[in-house]
Each structure stands twice: as C-alpha cells, then as structure tokens.
C-alpha atoms as a PDB file:
ATOM      1  CA  MET A   1     105.901  89.087 112.233  1.00  0.00           C
ATOM      2  CA  ALA A   2     108.260  86.057 112.174  1.00  0.00           C
ATOM      3  CA  GLU A   3     109.232  84.679 108.818  1.00  0.00           C
ATOM      4  CA  LEU A   4     107.024  81.784 107.680  1.00  0.00           C
ATOM      5  CA  LYS A   5     108.669  78.364 107.456  1.00  0.00           C
ATOM      6  CA  VAL A   6     107.828  75.020 106.009  1.00  0.00           C
ATOM      7  CA  GLY A   7     105.508  73.266 108.511  1.00  0.00           C
ATOM      8  CA  ASP A   8     103.832  76.495 109.633  1.00  0.00           C
ATOM      9  CA  LYS A   9     100.096  76.941 109.290  1.00  0.00           C
ATOM     10  CA  ALA A  10      99.404  79.231 106.315  1.00  0.00           C
ATOM     11  CA  PRO A  11      97.972  82.564 107.457  1.00  0.00           C
ATOM     12  CA  GLN A  12      94.275  82.789 106.727  1.00  0.00           C
ATOM     13  CA  PHE A  13      93.053  85.631 104.533  1.00  0.00           C
ATOM     14  CA  THR A  14      89.844  86.990 103.138  1.00  0.00           C
ATOM     15  CA  SER A  15      89.980  89.321 100.161  1.00  0.00           C
ATOM     16  CA  LYS A  16      88.288  90.057  96.842  1.00  0.00           C
ATOM     17  CA  ASN A  17      89.131  88.366  93.584  1.00  0.00           C
ATOM     18  CA  GLN A  18      89.082  89.890  90.093  1.00  0.00           C
ATOM     19  CA  ASN A  19      85.219  89.768  90.062  1.00  0.00           C
ATOM     20  CA  GLY A  20      84.780  91.359  93.465  1.00  0.00           C
ATOM     21  CA  GLU A  21      83.861  88.013  95.007  1.00  0.00           C
ATOM     22  CA  GLU A  22      85.161  87.235  98.505  1.00  0.00           C
ATOM     23  CA  ILE A  23      87.877  84.592  98.492  1.00  0.00           C
ATOM     24  CA  LYS A  24      89.122  82.956 101.664  1.00  0.00           C
ATOM     25  CA  LEU A  25      92.047  80.574 102.019  1.00  0.00           C
ATOM     26  CA  SER A  26      89.738  78.368 104.110  1.00  0.00           C
ATOM     27  CA  ASP A  27      87.465  77.976 101.052  1.00  0.00           C
ATOM     28  CA  PHE A  28      90.170  75.644  99.676  1.00  0.00           C
ATOM     29  CA  GLN A  29      90.415  73.388 102.775  1.00  0.00           C
ATOM     30  CA  GLY A  30      90.900  69.842 101.512  1.00  0.00           C
ATOM     31  CA  LYS A  31      92.752  70.982  98.372  1.00  0.00           C
ATOM     32  CA  LYS A  32      96.365  71.675  97.757  1.00  0.00           C
ATOM     33  CA  VAL A  33      96.972  75.359  96.984  1.00  0.00           C
ATOM     34  CA  ILE A  34      99.652  77.048  94.972  1.00  0.00           C
ATOM     35  CA  LEU A  35      99.560  80.574  96.438  1.00  0.00           C
ATOM     36  CA  TYR A  36     101.829  82.750  94.398  1.00  0.00           C
ATOM     37  CA  PHE A  37     102.674  86.345  95.130  1.00  0.00           C
ATOM     38  CA  TYR A  38     103.807  88.591  92.301  1.00  0.00           C
ATOM     39  CA  PRO A  39     104.713  92.277  92.082  1.00  0.00           C
ATOM     40  CA  LYS A  40     102.418  93.725  89.409  1.00  0.00           C
ATOM     41  CA  ASP A  41      99.780  92.897  86.770  1.00  0.00           C
ATOM     42  CA  ASN A  42     100.886  93.295  83.137  1.00  0.00           C
ATOM     43  CA  THR A  43     104.636  93.480  83.785  1.00  0.00           C
ATOM     44  CA  PRO A  44     106.891  91.121  81.754  1.00  0.00           C
ATOM     45  CA  GLY A  45     107.999  88.738  84.546  1.00  0.00           C
ATOM     46  CA  CYS A  46     104.551  88.557  86.148  1.00  0.00           C
ATOM     47  CA  THR A  47     102.864  87.959  82.788  1.00  0.00           C
ATOM     48  CA  THR A  48     105.317  85.147  81.987  1.00  0.00           C
ATOM     49  CA  GLU A  49     104.676  83.518  85.337  1.00  0.00           C
ATOM     50  CA  ALA A  50     100.855  83.851  85.143  1.00  0.00           C
ATOM     51  CA  CYS A  51     100.812  82.463  81.548  1.00  0.00           C
ATOM     52  CA  ASN A  52     102.944  79.505  82.649  1.00  0.00           C
ATOM     53  CA  PHE A  53     100.349  78.686  85.339  1.00  0.00           C
ATOM     54  CA  ARG A  54      97.589  79.208  82.754  1.00  0.00           C
ATOM     55  CA  ASP A  55      99.237  76.811  80.260  1.00  0.00           C
ATOM     56  CA  ASN A  56      99.663  74.151  82.946  1.00  0.00           C
ATOM     57  CA  TYR A  57      96.431  74.811  84.866  1.00  0.00           C
ATOM     58  CA  GLN A  58      94.543  71.720  83.755  1.00  0.00           C
ATOM     59  CA  SER A  59      97.372  69.376  84.742  1.00  0.00           C
ATOM     60  CA  LEU A  60      97.777  71.198  88.079  1.00  0.00           C
ATOM     61  CA  LEU A  61      94.046  70.725  88.717  1.00  0.00           C
ATOM     62  CA  LYS A  62      94.421  67.024  87.852  1.00  0.00           C
ATOM     63  CA  ASP A  63      97.190  66.825  90.445  1.00  0.00           C
ATOM     64  CA  GLY A  64      94.765  68.255  93.042  1.00  0.00           C
ATOM     65  CA  PHE A  65      96.066  71.825  93.084  1.00  0.00           C
ATOM     66  CA  GLU A  66      94.215  75.104  93.031  1.00  0.00           C
ATOM     67  CA  VAL A  67      96.203  78.181  91.844  1.00  0.00           C
ATOM     68  CA  ILE A  68      95.691  81.580  93.451  1.00  0.00           C
ATOM     69  CA  GLY A  69      97.696  84.664  92.477  1.00  0.00           C
ATOM     70  CA  VAL A  70      98.060  87.572  94.859  1.00  0.00           C
ATOM     71  CA  SER A  71      99.297  91.105  94.203  1.00  0.00           C
ATOM     72  CA  ILE A  72      98.536  94.528  95.619  1.00  0.00           C
ATOM     73  CA  ASP A  73      96.738  95.557  92.351  1.00  0.00           C
ATOM     74  CA  SER A  74      93.077  96.457  92.301  1.00  0.00           C
ATOM     75  CA  GLU A  75      90.249  94.130  91.285  1.00  0.00           C
ATOM     76  CA  GLN A  76      89.887  96.167  88.080  1.00  0.00           C
ATOM     77  CA  SER A  77      93.561  95.724  87.264  1.00  0.00           C
ATOM     78  CA  HIS A  78      93.244  91.974  87.891  1.00  0.00           C
ATOM     79  CA  GLN A  79      90.181  91.839  85.673  1.00  0.00           C
ATOM     80  CA  LYS A  80      91.992  93.453  82.739  1.00  0.00           C
ATOM     81  CA  PHE A  81      95.076  91.215  83.268  1.00  0.00           C
ATOM     82  CA  MET A  82      92.958  88.093  83.353  1.00  0.00           C
ATOM     83  CA  SER A  83      90.945  88.883  80.259  1.00  0.00           C
ATOM     84  CA  LYS A  84      93.976  89.965  78.295  1.00  0.00           C
ATOM     85  CA  PHE A  85      95.820  86.700  79.020  1.00  0.00           C
ATOM     86  CA  GLU A  86      92.784  84.402  79.551  1.00  0.00           C
ATOM     87  CA  LEU A  87      93.878  83.359  83.034  1.00  0.00           C
ATOM     88  CA  PRO A  88      91.610  80.602  84.429  1.00  0.00           C
ATOM     89  CA  PHE A  89      92.394  80.986  88.135  1.00  0.00           C
ATOM     90  CA  ASN A  90      91.636  83.535  90.856  1.00  0.00           C
ATOM     91  CA  LEU A  91      93.747  86.653  91.308  1.00  0.00           C
ATOM     92  CA  VAL A  92      93.304  88.131  94.771  1.00  0.00           C
ATOM     93  CA  SER A  93      93.566  91.893  95.327  1.00  0.00           C
ATOM     94  CA  ASP A  94      95.614  92.913  98.398  1.00  0.00           C
ATOM     95  CA  GLU A  95      95.456  96.701  98.132  1.00  0.00           C
ATOM     96  CA  ASP A  96      95.734  97.120 101.907  1.00  0.00           C
ATOM     97  CA  LYS A  97      98.878  94.904 101.890  1.00  0.00           C
ATOM     98  CA  LYS A  98      97.574  92.731 104.726  1.00  0.00           C
ATOM     99  CA  ILE A  99      98.160  89.392 102.933  1.00  0.00           C
ATOM    100  CA  VAL A 100     101.675  90.296 101.656  1.00  0.00           C
ATOM    101  CA  GLU A 101     102.592  91.391 105.178  1.00  0.00           C
ATOM    102  CA  ASP A 102     101.124  88.251 106.812  1.00  0.00           C
ATOM    103  CA  TYR A 103     103.144  86.099 104.401  1.00  0.00           C
ATOM    104  CA  GLY A 104     106.304  88.183 104.841  1.00  0.00           C
ATOM    105  CA  VAL A 105     106.634  88.993 101.155  1.00  0.00           C
ATOM    106  CA  TRP A 106     106.263  92.807 101.471  1.00  0.00           C
ATOM    107  CA  VAL A 107     109.943  93.706 101.522  1.00  0.00           C
ATOM    108  CA  GLU A 108     112.432  96.471 100.818  1.00  0.00           C
ATOM    109  CA  LYS A 109     113.640  96.206  97.213  1.00  0.00           C
ATOM    110  CA  ASN A 110     116.395  97.981  95.366  1.00  0.00           C
ATOM    111  CA  MET A 111     116.282  98.988  91.702  1.00  0.00           C
ATOM    112  CA  TYR A 112     118.960 101.105  90.120  1.00  0.00           C
ATOM    113  CA  GLY A 113     120.152 102.127  93.617  1.00  0.00           C
ATOM    114  CA  LYS A 114     116.656 103.345  94.601  1.00  0.00           C
ATOM    115  CA  LYS A 115     115.125 101.613  97.627  1.00  0.00           C
ATOM    116  CA  TYR A 116     111.353 101.037  97.783  1.00  0.00           C
ATOM    117  CA  MET A 117     108.838  98.627  99.284  1.00  0.00           C
ATOM    118  CA  GLY A 118     107.405  95.940  97.056  1.00  0.00           C
ATOM    119  CA  THR A 119     106.229  92.337  96.808  1.00  0.00           C
ATOM    120  CA  ALA A 120     108.883  89.657  96.670  1.00  0.00           C
ATOM    121  CA  ARG A 121     107.925  87.113  94.023  1.00  0.00           C
ATOM    122  CA  THR A 122     107.289  84.014  96.167  1.00  0.00           C
ATOM    123  CA  THR A 123     105.291  80.836  95.841  1.00  0.00           C
ATOM    124  CA  PHE A 124     103.826  78.919  98.796  1.00  0.00           C
ATOM    125  CA  ILE A 125     102.669  75.361  98.358  1.00  0.00           C
ATOM    126  CA  ILE A 126     100.013  74.626 100.988  1.00  0.00           C
ATOM    127  CA  ASP A 127      98.641  71.157 101.719  1.00  0.00           C
ATOM    128  CA  GLU A 128      95.019  70.076 102.238  1.00  0.00           C
ATOM    129  CA  LYS A 129      95.214  70.912 105.964  1.00  0.00           C
ATOM    130  CA  GLY A 130      96.498  74.421 105.424  1.00  0.00           C
ATOM    131  CA  ILE A 131     100.145  73.680 106.301  1.00  0.00           C
ATOM    132  CA  ILE A 132     102.976  75.205 104.225  1.00  0.00           C
ATOM    133  CA  GLN A 133     104.804  72.382 102.432  1.00  0.00           C
ATOM    134  CA  HIS A 134     107.270  74.404 100.386  1.00  0.00           C
ATOM    135  CA  ILE A 135     108.305  78.035  99.908  1.00  0.00           C
ATOM    136  CA  ILE A 136     109.908  79.019  96.616  1.00  0.00           C
ATOM    137  CA  LYS A 137     111.771  82.293  96.860  1.00  0.00           C
ATOM    138  CA  LYS A 138     113.684  82.049  93.625  1.00  0.00           C
ATOM    139  CA  VAL A 139     110.780  81.616  91.226  1.00  0.00           C
ATOM    140  CA  ASP A 140     111.563  80.607  87.650  1.00  0.00           C
ATOM    141  CA  ASN A 141     108.884  82.667  85.818  1.00  0.00           C
ATOM    142  CA  LYS A 142     109.046  80.745  82.563  1.00  0.00           C
ATOM    143  CA  ASN A 143     108.898  77.348  84.340  1.00  0.00           C
ATOM    144  CA  ALA A 144     106.969  78.084  87.538  1.00  0.00           C
ATOM    145  CA  SER A 145     104.723  74.990  87.202  1.00  0.00           C
ATOM    146  CA  GLN A 146     107.617  72.651  86.413  1.00  0.00           C
ATOM    147  CA  GLN A 147     109.611  74.115  89.278  1.00  0.00           C
ATOM    148  CA  ILE A 148     106.780  73.147  91.612  1.00  0.00           C
ATOM    149  CA  ARG A 149     106.570  69.628  90.119  1.00  0.00           C
ATOM    150  CA  ASP A 150     110.341  69.118  90.416  1.00  0.00           C
ATOM    151  CA  LEU A 151     110.194  70.196  94.083  1.00  0.00           C
ATOM    152  CA  LEU A 152     107.328  67.842  94.880  1.00  0.00           C
ATOM    153  CA  ALA A 153     109.068  64.932  93.100  1.00  0.00           C
ATOM    154  CA  GLN A 154     112.075  65.120  95.468  1.00  0.00           C
END
C-alpha cells in the first residue's frame, strides 16, 4: 500500500468501539475528524496523549472536530482505559490490524536493539469531505491538541 499523503482520500473503515458498537469513518461525513493512532492502552505516552485530547475535547468539538483514537487493543481494554481516565470520545479496536495497515502506521519498530512490528503514533486530520488535510508523525503527547491547532493556524 502506498504511503498516504495530504490530499488523499482517507481510507474508510468499519470497526467496533469500546462499547462494541460499529463505528465507520463515513458516520462522520460533514465533520472534521482527528483520527489518532496510538500504540497501546494504559501506557505512559498513550495515556498522556489521550488525556490531552480529553482535557481539550469540548473546545475541539466547538471547532467542529470529532476525535477518534485507534489502537490494536481489544474493546475490553479500551473500555477499561476509557473509564479509568474518563475519556469522552470513541476508541476504535483494530485487533485484525486492518486500519493500521490501511493508514500505513503498522511499522517495524526498534526498542533496545530488538525489532518488532507496532503502531507508529500518528495523527490524521481529515476534513468534512473525507480528505486528509494534515498528517502528524511527530506527535507531542503532552500538547497533542495544541499541536493540531498550531498546524491549522498556519
């Protein structure tokens, strides 16, 4: 699969959220979507990023955005993560790795010299028509919402 670029149509997906409800990207047609991919529920960086989106969620909604988090964790894992940190947005489960592969964020990683496959922390900003407006590959976990605002203000 070719790497996604700004201006590309965002790949459609259908998956289950933390409550086992079916979520489709097309459900958000007409809204701007912050689709963020993160490696794992309840890890320090992912928790920091999710809590930043939580703390700024109301202002993101006011700006016309919907926030959707995606990881390869199970619905049950997402449910625990959400209730522990009171996350107000959908977390989509991608256990079969179809979404991470479609978005090109399932990559080889290297930790302490050991190579493994994992999710590259990446944020896609998708416009009302489903077109990718921005791709953030170097996500600032603590300031993820502000990073998006700064990018859109340019």
